[in-house]
mmCIF file of all heavy atoms, coordinates in Angstrom:
data_MODEL
# 
_entry.id   MODEL 
# 
loop_
_atom_site.group_PDB 
_atom_site.id 
_atom_site.type_symbol 
_atom_site.label_atom_id 
_atom_site.label_alt_id 
_atom_site.label_comp_id 
_atom_site.label_asym_id 
_atom_site.label_entity_id 
_atom_site.label_seq_id 
_atom_site.pdbx_PDB_ins_code 
_atom_site.Cartn_x 
_atom_site.Cartn_y 
_atom_site.Cartn_z 
_atom_site.occupancy 
_atom_site.B_iso_or_equiv 
_atom_site.pdbx_formal_charge 
_atom_site.auth_seq_id 
_atom_site.auth_comp_id 
_atom_site.auth_asym_id 
_atom_site.auth_atom_id 
_atom_site.pdbx_PDB_model_num 
ATOM 1   N N   . ILE A 1 1  ? 21.539 6.290   -3.475  1.00 0.00 ? 1  ILE A N   1 
ATOM 2   C CA  . ILE A 1 1  ? 22.384 5.083   -3.459  1.00 0.00 ? 1  ILE A CA  1 
ATOM 3   C C   . ILE A 1 1  ? 21.329 3.865   -3.536  1.00 0.00 ? 1  ILE A C   1 
ATOM 4   O O   . ILE A 1 1  ? 20.306 3.903   -2.848  1.00 0.00 ? 1  ILE A O   1 
ATOM 5   C CB  . ILE A 1 1  ? 23.127 4.988   -2.161  1.00 0.00 ? 1  ILE A CB  1 
ATOM 6   C CG1 . ILE A 1 1  ? 24.090 6.190   -2.071  1.00 0.00 ? 1  ILE A CG1 1 
ATOM 7   C CG2 . ILE A 1 1  ? 23.950 3.708   -2.084  1.00 0.00 ? 1  ILE A CG2 1 
ATOM 8   C CD1 . ILE A 1 1  ? 24.882 6.265   -0.784  1.00 0.00 ? 1  ILE A CD1 1 
ATOM 9   N N   . ARG A 1 2  ? 21.716 3.003   -4.365  1.00 0.00 ? 2  ARG A N   1 
ATOM 10  C CA  . ARG A 1 2  ? 20.795 1.755   -4.599  1.00 0.00 ? 2  ARG A CA  1 
ATOM 11  C C   . ARG A 1 2  ? 21.569 0.453   -4.286  1.00 0.00 ? 2  ARG A C   1 
ATOM 12  O O   . ARG A 1 2  ? 22.657 0.221   -4.944  1.00 0.00 ? 2  ARG A O   1 
ATOM 13  C CB  . ARG A 1 2  ? 20.178 1.786   -6.002  1.00 0.00 ? 2  ARG A CB  1 
ATOM 14  C CG  . ARG A 1 2  ? 19.144 2.844   -6.231  1.00 0.00 ? 2  ARG A CG  1 
ATOM 15  C CD  . ARG A 1 2  ? 18.899 3.016   -7.744  1.00 0.00 ? 2  ARG A CD  1 
ATOM 16  N NE  . ARG A 1 2  ? 20.107 3.455   -8.459  1.00 0.00 ? 2  ARG A NE  1 
ATOM 17  C CZ  . ARG A 1 2  ? 20.413 4.727   -8.585  1.00 0.00 ? 2  ARG A CZ  1 
ATOM 18  N NH1 . ARG A 1 2  ? 19.758 5.662   -7.969  1.00 0.00 ? 2  ARG A NH1 1 
ATOM 19  N NH2 . ARG A 1 2  ? 21.525 5.062   -9.178  1.00 0.00 ? 2  ARG A NH2 1 
ATOM 20  N N   . TYR A 1 3  ? 21.043 -0.370  -3.290  1.00 0.00 ? 3  TYR A N   1 
ATOM 21  C CA  . TYR A 1 3  ? 21.624 -1.630  -3.086  1.00 0.00 ? 3  TYR A CA  1 
ATOM 22  C C   . TYR A 1 3  ? 20.471 -2.636  -3.299  1.00 0.00 ? 3  TYR A C   1 
ATOM 23  O O   . TYR A 1 3  ? 19.311 -2.284  -3.312  1.00 0.00 ? 3  TYR A O   1 
ATOM 24  C CB  . TYR A 1 3  ? 22.032 -1.813  -1.651  1.00 0.00 ? 3  TYR A CB  1 
ATOM 25  C CG  . TYR A 1 3  ? 23.176 -0.855  -1.237  1.00 0.00 ? 3  TYR A CG  1 
ATOM 26  C CD1 . TYR A 1 3  ? 23.405 -0.498  0.041   1.00 0.00 ? 3  TYR A CD1 1 
ATOM 27  C CD2 . TYR A 1 3  ? 24.077 -0.381  -2.198  1.00 0.00 ? 3  TYR A CD2 1 
ATOM 28  C CE1 . TYR A 1 3  ? 24.377 0.290   0.541   1.00 0.00 ? 3  TYR A CE1 1 
ATOM 29  C CE2 . TYR A 1 3  ? 25.220 0.410   -1.730  1.00 0.00 ? 3  TYR A CE2 1 
ATOM 30  C CZ  . TYR A 1 3  ? 25.344 0.777   -0.430  1.00 0.00 ? 3  TYR A CZ  1 
ATOM 31  O OH  . TYR A 1 3  ? 26.341 1.592   -0.008  1.00 0.00 ? 3  TYR A OH  1 
ATOM 32  N N   . CYS A 1 4  ? 20.839 -3.951  -3.450  1.00 0.00 ? 4  CYS A N   1 
ATOM 33  C CA  . CYS A 1 4  ? 19.810 -4.984  -3.599  1.00 0.00 ? 4  CYS A CA  1 
ATOM 34  C C   . CYS A 1 4  ? 20.341 -6.253  -3.149  1.00 0.00 ? 4  CYS A C   1 
ATOM 35  O O   . CYS A 1 4  ? 21.591 -6.462  -2.797  1.00 0.00 ? 4  CYS A O   1 
ATOM 36  C CB  . CYS A 1 4  ? 19.206 -5.113  -5.055  1.00 0.00 ? 4  CYS A CB  1 
ATOM 37  S SG  . CYS A 1 4  ? 20.436 -5.970  -6.155  1.00 0.00 ? 4  CYS A SG  1 
ATOM 38  N N   . SER A 1 5  ? 19.473 -7.179  -2.809  1.00 0.00 ? 5  SER A N   1 
ATOM 39  C CA  . SER A 1 5  ? 19.783 -8.571  -2.451  1.00 0.00 ? 5  SER A CA  1 
ATOM 40  C C   . SER A 1 5  ? 19.939 -9.461  -3.744  1.00 0.00 ? 5  SER A C   1 
ATOM 41  O O   . SER A 1 5  ? 19.456 -9.074  -4.834  1.00 0.00 ? 5  SER A O   1 
ATOM 42  C CB  . SER A 1 5  ? 18.730 -9.162  -1.555  1.00 0.00 ? 5  SER A CB  1 
ATOM 43  O OG  . SER A 1 5  ? 17.471 -9.170  -2.125  1.00 0.00 ? 5  SER A OG  1 
ATOM 44  N N   . GLN A 1 6  ? 20.425 -10.621 -3.593  1.00 0.00 ? 6  GLN A N   1 
ATOM 45  C CA  . GLN A 1 6  ? 20.727 -11.529 -4.670  1.00 0.00 ? 6  GLN A CA  1 
ATOM 46  C C   . GLN A 1 6  ? 19.407 -11.952 -5.362  1.00 0.00 ? 6  GLN A C   1 
ATOM 47  O O   . GLN A 1 6  ? 19.294 -12.300 -6.527  1.00 0.00 ? 6  GLN A O   1 
ATOM 48  C CB  . GLN A 1 6  ? 21.516 -12.787 -4.309  1.00 0.00 ? 6  GLN A CB  1 
ATOM 49  C CG  . GLN A 1 6  ? 22.982 -12.436 -4.051  1.00 0.00 ? 6  GLN A CG  1 
ATOM 50  C CD  . GLN A 1 6  ? 23.672 -13.747 -3.585  1.00 0.00 ? 6  GLN A CD  1 
ATOM 51  O OE1 . GLN A 1 6  ? 23.096 -14.806 -3.293  1.00 0.00 ? 6  GLN A OE1 1 
ATOM 52  N NE2 . GLN A 1 6  ? 24.953 -13.705 -3.664  1.00 0.00 ? 6  GLN A NE2 1 
ATOM 53  N N   . ASP A 1 7  ? 18.314 -11.934 -4.639  1.00 0.00 ? 7  ASP A N   1 
ATOM 54  C CA  . ASP A 1 7  ? 17.062 -12.369 -5.229  1.00 0.00 ? 7  ASP A CA  1 
ATOM 55  C C   . ASP A 1 7  ? 16.281 -11.273 -5.766  1.00 0.00 ? 7  ASP A C   1 
ATOM 56  O O   . ASP A 1 7  ? 15.136 -11.435 -6.254  1.00 0.00 ? 7  ASP A O   1 
ATOM 57  C CB  . ASP A 1 7  ? 16.187 -13.064 -4.090  1.00 0.00 ? 7  ASP A CB  1 
ATOM 58  C CG  . ASP A 1 7  ? 15.626 -12.113 -3.064  1.00 0.00 ? 7  ASP A CG  1 
ATOM 59  O OD1 . ASP A 1 7  ? 16.247 -11.062 -2.838  1.00 0.00 ? 7  ASP A OD1 1 
ATOM 60  O OD2 . ASP A 1 7  ? 14.745 -12.531 -2.298  1.00 0.00 ? 7  ASP A OD2 1 
ATOM 61  N N   . ALA A 1 8  ? 16.813 -10.061 -5.915  1.00 0.00 ? 8  ALA A N   1 
ATOM 62  C CA  . ALA A 1 8  ? 16.064 -8.960  -6.413  1.00 0.00 ? 8  ALA A CA  1 
ATOM 63  C C   . ALA A 1 8  ? 15.941 -8.943  -7.875  1.00 0.00 ? 8  ALA A C   1 
ATOM 64  O O   . ALA A 1 8  ? 16.900 -9.504  -8.588  1.00 0.00 ? 8  ALA A O   1 
ATOM 65  C CB  . ALA A 1 8  ? 16.769 -7.587  -5.942  1.00 0.00 ? 8  ALA A CB  1 
ATOM 66  N N   . TRP A 1 9  ? 14.851 -8.471  -8.380  1.00 0.00 ? 9  TRP A N   1 
ATOM 67  C CA  . TRP A 1 9  ? 14.774 -8.231  -9.853  1.00 0.00 ? 9  TRP A CA  1 
ATOM 68  C C   . TRP A 1 9  ? 14.008 -6.898  -10.163 1.00 0.00 ? 9  TRP A C   1 
ATOM 69  O O   . TRP A 1 9  ? 13.181 -6.513  -9.269  1.00 0.00 ? 9  TRP A O   1 
ATOM 70  C CB  . TRP A 1 9  ? 14.205 -9.499  -10.537 1.00 0.00 ? 9  TRP A CB  1 
ATOM 71  C CG  . TRP A 1 9  ? 12.806 -10.016 -9.997  1.00 0.00 ? 9  TRP A CG  1 
ATOM 72  C CD1 . TRP A 1 9  ? 12.696 -10.872 -9.024  1.00 0.00 ? 9  TRP A CD1 1 
ATOM 73  C CD2 . TRP A 1 9  ? 11.560 -9.749  -10.478 1.00 0.00 ? 9  TRP A CD2 1 
ATOM 74  N NE1 . TRP A 1 9  ? 11.346 -11.175 -8.731  1.00 0.00 ? 9  TRP A NE1 1 
ATOM 75  C CE2 . TRP A 1 9  ? 10.583 -10.458 -9.723  1.00 0.00 ? 9  TRP A CE2 1 
ATOM 76  C CE3 . TRP A 1 9  ? 11.019 -8.795  -11.452 1.00 0.00 ? 9  TRP A CE3 1 
ATOM 77  C CZ2 . TRP A 1 9  ? 9.232  -10.366 -9.848  1.00 0.00 ? 9  TRP A CZ2 1 
ATOM 78  C CZ3 . TRP A 1 9  ? 9.632  -8.785  -11.686 1.00 0.00 ? 9  TRP A CZ3 1 
ATOM 79  C CH2 . TRP A 1 9  ? 8.774  -9.486  -10.887 1.00 0.00 ? 9  TRP A CH2 1 
ATOM 80  N N   . PHE A 1 10 ? 14.166 -6.461  -11.295 1.00 0.00 ? 10 PHE A N   1 
ATOM 81  C CA  . PHE A 1 10 ? 13.591 -5.138  -11.646 1.00 0.00 ? 10 PHE A CA  1 
ATOM 82  C C   . PHE A 1 10 ? 12.840 -5.241  -12.972 1.00 0.00 ? 10 PHE A C   1 
ATOM 83  O O   . PHE A 1 10 ? 13.335 -5.957  -13.925 1.00 0.00 ? 10 PHE A O   1 
ATOM 84  C CB  . PHE A 1 10 ? 14.762 -4.126  -11.756 1.00 0.00 ? 10 PHE A CB  1 
ATOM 85  C CG  . PHE A 1 10 ? 15.627 -4.065  -10.528 1.00 0.00 ? 10 PHE A CG  1 
ATOM 86  C CD1 . PHE A 1 10 ? 16.708 -5.001  -10.365 1.00 0.00 ? 10 PHE A CD1 1 
ATOM 87  C CD2 . PHE A 1 10 ? 15.358 -3.086  -9.513  1.00 0.00 ? 10 PHE A CD2 1 
ATOM 88  C CE1 . PHE A 1 10 ? 17.487 -4.979  -9.306  1.00 0.00 ? 10 PHE A CE1 1 
ATOM 89  C CE2 . PHE A 1 10 ? 16.245 -3.128  -8.420  1.00 0.00 ? 10 PHE A CE2 1 
ATOM 90  C CZ  . PHE A 1 10 ? 17.235 -3.967  -8.204  1.00 0.00 ? 10 PHE A CZ  1 
ATOM 91  N N   . GLN A 1 11 ? 11.753 -4.588  -13.067 1.00 0.00 ? 11 GLN A N   1 
ATOM 92  C CA  . GLN A 1 11 ? 10.962 -4.623  -14.346 1.00 0.00 ? 11 GLN A CA  1 
ATOM 93  C C   . GLN A 1 11 ? 10.329 -3.305  -14.560 1.00 0.00 ? 11 GLN A C   1 
ATOM 94  O O   . GLN A 1 11 ? 9.538  -2.862  -13.713 1.00 0.00 ? 11 GLN A O   1 
ATOM 95  C CB  . GLN A 1 11 ? 9.906  -5.725  -14.200 1.00 0.00 ? 11 GLN A CB  1 
ATOM 96  C CG  . GLN A 1 11 ? 9.128  -6.036  -15.494 1.00 0.00 ? 11 GLN A CG  1 
ATOM 97  C CD  . GLN A 1 11 ? 8.215  -7.239  -15.317 1.00 0.00 ? 11 GLN A CD  1 
ATOM 98  O OE1 . GLN A 1 11 ? 7.807  -7.577  -14.272 1.00 0.00 ? 11 GLN A OE1 1 
ATOM 99  N NE2 . GLN A 1 11 ? 7.916  -7.862  -16.497 1.00 0.00 ? 11 GLN A NE2 1 
ATOM 100 N N   . VAL A 1 12 ? 10.602 -2.687  -15.728 1.00 0.00 ? 12 VAL A N   1 
ATOM 101 C CA  . VAL A 1 12 ? 9.839  -1.496  -16.163 1.00 0.00 ? 12 VAL A CA  1 
ATOM 102 C C   . VAL A 1 12 ? 8.616  -2.097  -16.810 1.00 0.00 ? 12 VAL A C   1 
ATOM 103 O O   . VAL A 1 12 ? 8.554  -2.252  -18.058 1.00 0.00 ? 12 VAL A O   1 
ATOM 104 C CB  . VAL A 1 12 ? 10.736 -0.597  -17.167 1.00 0.00 ? 12 VAL A CB  1 
ATOM 105 C CG1 . VAL A 1 12 ? 10.061 0.651   -17.491 1.00 0.00 ? 12 VAL A CG1 1 
ATOM 106 C CG2 . VAL A 1 12 ? 12.157 -0.249  -16.498 1.00 0.00 ? 12 VAL A CG2 1 
ATOM 107 N N   . LYS A 1 13 ? 7.537  -2.140  -16.102 1.00 0.00 ? 13 LYS A N   1 
ATOM 108 C CA  . LYS A 1 13 ? 6.427  -2.877  -16.448 1.00 0.00 ? 13 LYS A CA  1 
ATOM 109 C C   . LYS A 1 13 ? 5.356  -2.167  -17.254 1.00 0.00 ? 13 LYS A C   1 
ATOM 110 O O   . LYS A 1 13 ? 4.418  -2.799  -17.888 1.00 0.00 ? 13 LYS A O   1 
ATOM 111 C CB  . LYS A 1 13 ? 5.724  -3.407  -15.197 1.00 0.00 ? 13 LYS A CB  1 
ATOM 112 C CG  . LYS A 1 13 ? 4.543  -4.338  -15.278 1.00 0.00 ? 13 LYS A CG  1 
ATOM 113 C CD  . LYS A 1 13 ? 4.932  -5.690  -15.870 1.00 0.00 ? 13 LYS A CD  1 
ATOM 114 C CE  . LYS A 1 13 ? 3.654  -6.702  -15.747 1.00 0.00 ? 13 LYS A CE  1 
ATOM 115 N NZ  . LYS A 1 13 ? 4.011  -7.947  -16.353 1.00 0.00 ? 13 LYS A NZ  1 
ATOM 116 N N   . GLU A 1 14 ? 5.485  -0.897  -17.306 1.00 0.00 ? 14 GLU A N   1 
ATOM 117 C CA  . GLU A 1 14 ? 4.365  -0.030  -17.802 1.00 0.00 ? 14 GLU A CA  1 
ATOM 118 C C   . GLU A 1 14 ? 3.758  -0.405  -19.214 1.00 0.00 ? 14 GLU A C   1 
ATOM 119 O O   . GLU A 1 14 ? 2.637  -0.373  -19.456 1.00 0.00 ? 14 GLU A O   1 
ATOM 120 C CB  . GLU A 1 14 ? 4.732  1.484   -17.778 1.00 0.00 ? 14 GLU A CB  1 
ATOM 121 C CG  . GLU A 1 14 ? 4.721  2.069   -16.379 1.00 0.00 ? 14 GLU A CG  1 
ATOM 122 C CD  . GLU A 1 14 ? 5.961  1.755   -15.541 1.00 0.00 ? 14 GLU A CD  1 
ATOM 123 O OE1 . GLU A 1 14 ? 6.779  0.990   -16.035 1.00 0.00 ? 14 GLU A OE1 1 
ATOM 124 O OE2 . GLU A 1 14 ? 6.029  2.230   -14.372 1.00 0.00 ? 14 GLU A OE2 1 
ATOM 125 N N   . VAL A 1 15 ? 4.704  -0.744  -20.164 1.00 0.00 ? 15 VAL A N   1 
ATOM 126 C CA  . VAL A 1 15 ? 4.137  -1.043  -21.493 1.00 0.00 ? 15 VAL A CA  1 
ATOM 127 C C   . VAL A 1 15 ? 3.233  -2.292  -21.442 1.00 0.00 ? 15 VAL A C   1 
ATOM 128 O O   . VAL A 1 15 ? 2.343  -2.432  -22.326 1.00 0.00 ? 15 VAL A O   1 
ATOM 129 C CB  . VAL A 1 15 ? 5.302  -1.306  -22.555 1.00 0.00 ? 15 VAL A CB  1 
ATOM 130 C CG1 . VAL A 1 15 ? 6.098  -0.026  -22.747 1.00 0.00 ? 15 VAL A CG1 1 
ATOM 131 C CG2 . VAL A 1 15 ? 6.225  -2.380  -22.113 1.00 0.00 ? 15 VAL A CG2 1 
ATOM 132 N N   . ASP A 1 16 ? 3.400  -3.211  -20.501 1.00 0.00 ? 16 ASP A N   1 
ATOM 133 C CA  . ASP A 1 16 ? 2.556  -4.386  -20.404 1.00 0.00 ? 16 ASP A CA  1 
ATOM 134 C C   . ASP A 1 16 ? 1.110  -4.000  -19.958 1.00 0.00 ? 16 ASP A C   1 
ATOM 135 O O   . ASP A 1 16 ? 0.227  -4.843  -20.096 1.00 0.00 ? 16 ASP A O   1 
ATOM 136 C CB  . ASP A 1 16 ? 3.118  -5.425  -19.474 1.00 0.00 ? 16 ASP A CB  1 
ATOM 137 C CG  . ASP A 1 16 ? 4.175  -6.226  -20.081 1.00 0.00 ? 16 ASP A CG  1 
ATOM 138 O OD1 . ASP A 1 16 ? 4.467  -6.062  -21.343 1.00 0.00 ? 16 ASP A OD1 1 
ATOM 139 O OD2 . ASP A 1 16 ? 4.810  -7.052  -19.417 1.00 0.00 ? 16 ASP A OD2 1 
ATOM 140 N N   . ILE A 1 17 ? 0.924  -2.842  -19.395 1.00 0.00 ? 17 ILE A N   1 
ATOM 141 C CA  . ILE A 1 17 ? -0.392 -2.392  -19.061 1.00 0.00 ? 17 ILE A CA  1 
ATOM 142 C C   . ILE A 1 17 ? -0.904 -1.155  -19.903 1.00 0.00 ? 17 ILE A C   1 
ATOM 143 O O   . ILE A 1 17 ? -1.761 -0.441  -19.579 1.00 0.00 ? 17 ILE A O   1 
ATOM 144 C CB  . ILE A 1 17 ? -0.465 -2.057  -17.539 1.00 0.00 ? 17 ILE A CB  1 
ATOM 145 C CG1 . ILE A 1 17 ? 0.443  -1.001  -17.131 1.00 0.00 ? 17 ILE A CG1 1 
ATOM 146 C CG2 . ILE A 1 17 ? -0.316 -3.232  -16.674 1.00 0.00 ? 17 ILE A CG2 1 
ATOM 147 C CD1 . ILE A 1 17 ? 0.333  -0.533  -15.681 1.00 0.00 ? 17 ILE A CD1 1 
ATOM 148 N N   . GLY A 1 18 ? -0.245 -0.997  -21.031 1.00 0.00 ? 18 GLY A N   1 
ATOM 149 C CA  . GLY A 1 18 ? -0.685 -0.011  -22.014 1.00 0.00 ? 18 GLY A CA  1 
ATOM 150 C C   . GLY A 1 18 ? -0.369 1.400   -21.877 1.00 0.00 ? 18 GLY A C   1 
ATOM 151 O O   . GLY A 1 18 ? -1.121 2.286   -22.269 1.00 0.00 ? 18 GLY A O   1 
ATOM 152 N N   . LEU A 1 19 ? 0.725  1.712   -21.057 1.00 0.00 ? 19 LEU A N   1 
ATOM 153 C CA  . LEU A 1 19 ? 1.069  3.152   -20.981 1.00 0.00 ? 19 LEU A CA  1 
ATOM 154 C C   . LEU A 1 19 ? 2.662  3.182   -20.904 1.00 0.00 ? 19 LEU A C   1 
ATOM 155 O O   . LEU A 1 19 ? 3.370  2.198   -20.780 1.00 0.00 ? 19 LEU A O   1 
ATOM 156 C CB  . LEU A 1 19 ? 0.441  3.701   -19.719 1.00 0.00 ? 19 LEU A CB  1 
ATOM 157 C CG  . LEU A 1 19 ? 0.819  2.965   -18.308 1.00 0.00 ? 19 LEU A CG  1 
ATOM 158 C CD1 . LEU A 1 19 ? 1.981  3.626   -17.739 1.00 0.00 ? 19 LEU A CD1 1 
ATOM 159 C CD2 . LEU A 1 19 ? -0.438 3.173   -17.461 1.00 0.00 ? 19 LEU A CD2 1 
ATOM 160 N N   . ALA A 1 20 ? 3.073  4.443   -21.078 1.00 0.00 ? 20 ALA A N   1 
ATOM 161 C CA  . ALA A 1 20 ? 4.471  4.762   -21.013 1.00 0.00 ? 20 ALA A CA  1 
ATOM 162 C C   . ALA A 1 20 ? 4.799  5.190   -19.562 1.00 0.00 ? 20 ALA A C   1 
ATOM 163 O O   . ALA A 1 20 ? 3.982  5.928   -18.955 1.00 0.00 ? 20 ALA A O   1 
ATOM 164 C CB  . ALA A 1 20 ? 4.946  5.893   -21.912 1.00 0.00 ? 20 ALA A CB  1 
ATOM 165 N N   . ALA A 1 21 ? 5.854  4.732   -18.957 1.00 0.00 ? 21 ALA A N   1 
ATOM 166 C CA  . ALA A 1 21 ? 6.263  5.095   -17.511 1.00 0.00 ? 21 ALA A CA  1 
ATOM 167 C C   . ALA A 1 21 ? 6.261  6.624   -17.497 1.00 0.00 ? 21 ALA A C   1 
ATOM 168 O O   . ALA A 1 21 ? 6.920  7.234   -18.210 1.00 0.00 ? 21 ALA A O   1 
ATOM 169 C CB  . ALA A 1 21 ? 7.533  4.428   -17.236 1.00 0.00 ? 21 ALA A CB  1 
ATOM 170 N N   . ASP A 1 22 ? 5.500  7.138   -16.518 1.00 0.00 ? 22 ASP A N   1 
ATOM 171 C CA  . ASP A 1 22 ? 5.376  8.584   -16.413 1.00 0.00 ? 22 ASP A CA  1 
ATOM 172 C C   . ASP A 1 22 ? 5.707  9.250   -15.203 1.00 0.00 ? 22 ASP A C   1 
ATOM 173 O O   . ASP A 1 22 ? 5.502  10.401  -14.983 1.00 0.00 ? 22 ASP A O   1 
ATOM 174 C CB  . ASP A 1 22 ? 3.935  8.926   -16.880 1.00 0.00 ? 22 ASP A CB  1 
ATOM 175 C CG  . ASP A 1 22 ? 2.887  8.331   -15.984 1.00 0.00 ? 22 ASP A CG  1 
ATOM 176 O OD1 . ASP A 1 22 ? 3.240  7.575   -15.050 1.00 0.00 ? 22 ASP A OD1 1 
ATOM 177 O OD2 . ASP A 1 22 ? 1.692  8.506   -16.233 1.00 0.00 ? 22 ASP A OD2 1 
ATOM 178 N N   . VAL A 1 23 ? 6.378  8.501   -14.259 1.00 0.00 ? 23 VAL A N   1 
ATOM 179 C CA  . VAL A 1 23 ? 6.691  9.154   -12.964 1.00 0.00 ? 23 VAL A CA  1 
ATOM 180 C C   . VAL A 1 23 ? 8.289  9.076   -12.722 1.00 0.00 ? 23 VAL A C   1 
ATOM 181 O O   . VAL A 1 23 ? 8.605  9.272   -11.556 1.00 0.00 ? 23 VAL A O   1 
ATOM 182 C CB  . VAL A 1 23 ? 5.896  8.650   -11.820 1.00 0.00 ? 23 VAL A CB  1 
ATOM 183 C CG1 . VAL A 1 23 ? 4.471  9.038   -11.830 1.00 0.00 ? 23 VAL A CG1 1 
ATOM 184 C CG2 . VAL A 1 23 ? 6.048  7.112   -11.629 1.00 0.00 ? 23 VAL A CG2 1 
ATOM 185 N N   . GLY A 1 24 ? 9.076  8.999   -13.733 1.00 0.00 ? 24 GLY A N   1 
ATOM 186 C CA  . GLY A 1 24 ? 10.498 9.187   -13.559 1.00 0.00 ? 24 GLY A CA  1 
ATOM 187 C C   . GLY A 1 24 ? 11.419 8.235   -14.137 1.00 0.00 ? 24 GLY A C   1 
ATOM 188 O O   . GLY A 1 24 ? 12.549 8.604   -14.440 1.00 0.00 ? 24 GLY A O   1 
ATOM 189 N N   . THR A 1 25 ? 11.055 6.958   -14.344 1.00 0.00 ? 25 THR A N   1 
ATOM 190 C CA  . THR A 1 25 ? 11.992 6.016   -14.961 1.00 0.00 ? 25 THR A CA  1 
ATOM 191 C C   . THR A 1 25 ? 12.615 6.469   -16.276 1.00 0.00 ? 25 THR A C   1 
ATOM 192 O O   . THR A 1 25 ? 13.785 6.422   -16.518 1.00 0.00 ? 25 THR A O   1 
ATOM 193 C CB  . THR A 1 25 ? 11.296 4.637   -15.174 1.00 0.00 ? 25 THR A CB  1 
ATOM 194 O OG1 . THR A 1 25 ? 11.104 4.184   -13.796 1.00 0.00 ? 25 THR A OG1 1 
ATOM 195 C CG2 . THR A 1 25 ? 12.201 3.714   -15.880 1.00 0.00 ? 25 THR A CG2 1 
ATOM 196 N N   . LEU A 1 26 ? 11.741 6.987   -17.188 1.00 0.00 ? 26 LEU A N   1 
ATOM 197 C CA  . LEU A 1 26 ? 12.347 7.238   -18.521 1.00 0.00 ? 26 LEU A CA  1 
ATOM 198 C C   . LEU A 1 26 ? 13.176 8.447   -18.482 1.00 0.00 ? 26 LEU A C   1 
ATOM 199 O O   . LEU A 1 26 ? 14.009 8.664   -19.349 1.00 0.00 ? 26 LEU A O   1 
ATOM 200 C CB  . LEU A 1 26 ? 11.140 7.492   -19.573 1.00 0.00 ? 26 LEU A CB  1 
ATOM 201 C CG  . LEU A 1 26 ? 10.167 6.279   -19.675 1.00 0.00 ? 26 LEU A CG  1 
ATOM 202 C CD1 . LEU A 1 26 ? 9.123  6.673   -20.707 1.00 0.00 ? 26 LEU A CD1 1 
ATOM 203 C CD2 . LEU A 1 26 ? 10.857 5.049   -20.050 1.00 0.00 ? 26 LEU A CD2 1 
ATOM 204 N N   . GLN A 1 27 ? 13.043 9.295   -17.436 1.00 0.00 ? 27 GLN A N   1 
ATOM 205 C CA  . GLN A 1 27 ? 13.854 10.469  -17.362 1.00 0.00 ? 27 GLN A CA  1 
ATOM 206 C C   . GLN A 1 27 ? 15.203 10.271  -16.549 1.00 0.00 ? 27 GLN A C   1 
ATOM 207 O O   . GLN A 1 27 ? 16.204 10.843  -16.963 1.00 0.00 ? 27 GLN A O   1 
ATOM 208 C CB  . GLN A 1 27 ? 13.064 11.667  -16.720 1.00 0.00 ? 27 GLN A CB  1 
ATOM 209 C CG  . GLN A 1 27 ? 11.893 12.157  -17.498 1.00 0.00 ? 27 GLN A CG  1 
ATOM 210 C CD  . GLN A 1 27 ? 10.711 11.160  -17.598 1.00 0.00 ? 27 GLN A CD  1 
ATOM 211 O OE1 . GLN A 1 27 ? 10.443 10.395  -16.598 1.00 0.00 ? 27 GLN A OE1 1 
ATOM 212 N NE2 . GLN A 1 27 ? 10.080 11.135  -18.816 1.00 0.00 ? 27 GLN A NE2 1 
ATOM 213 N N   . ARG A 1 28 ? 15.109 9.394   -15.523 1.00 0.00 ? 28 ARG A N   1 
ATOM 214 C CA  . ARG A 1 28 ? 16.289 9.242   -14.687 1.00 0.00 ? 28 ARG A CA  1 
ATOM 215 C C   . ARG A 1 28 ? 17.075 7.992   -15.000 1.00 0.00 ? 28 ARG A C   1 
ATOM 216 O O   . ARG A 1 28 ? 18.341 8.056   -14.909 1.00 0.00 ? 28 ARG A O   1 
ATOM 217 C CB  . ARG A 1 28 ? 15.824 9.209   -13.240 1.00 0.00 ? 28 ARG A CB  1 
ATOM 218 C CG  . ARG A 1 28 ? 15.100 10.405  -12.651 1.00 0.00 ? 28 ARG A CG  1 
ATOM 219 C CD  . ARG A 1 28 ? 14.860 10.329  -11.188 1.00 0.00 ? 28 ARG A CD  1 
ATOM 220 N NE  . ARG A 1 28 ? 14.285 11.670  -10.634 1.00 0.00 ? 28 ARG A NE  1 
ATOM 221 C CZ  . ARG A 1 28 ? 12.986 11.946  -10.465 1.00 0.00 ? 28 ARG A CZ  1 
ATOM 222 N NH1 . ARG A 1 28 ? 12.084 10.848  -10.676 1.00 0.00 ? 28 ARG A NH1 1 
ATOM 223 N NH2 . ARG A 1 28 ? 12.565 13.040  -10.058 1.00 0.00 ? 28 ARG A NH2 1 
# 
């Protein structure tokens, strides 16, 4: 279950550091 506050923000950042996300984001 995922909740957040109004000031929350999310960023799949990995491409900005030269790699593909490799610990679950791309799969889930």
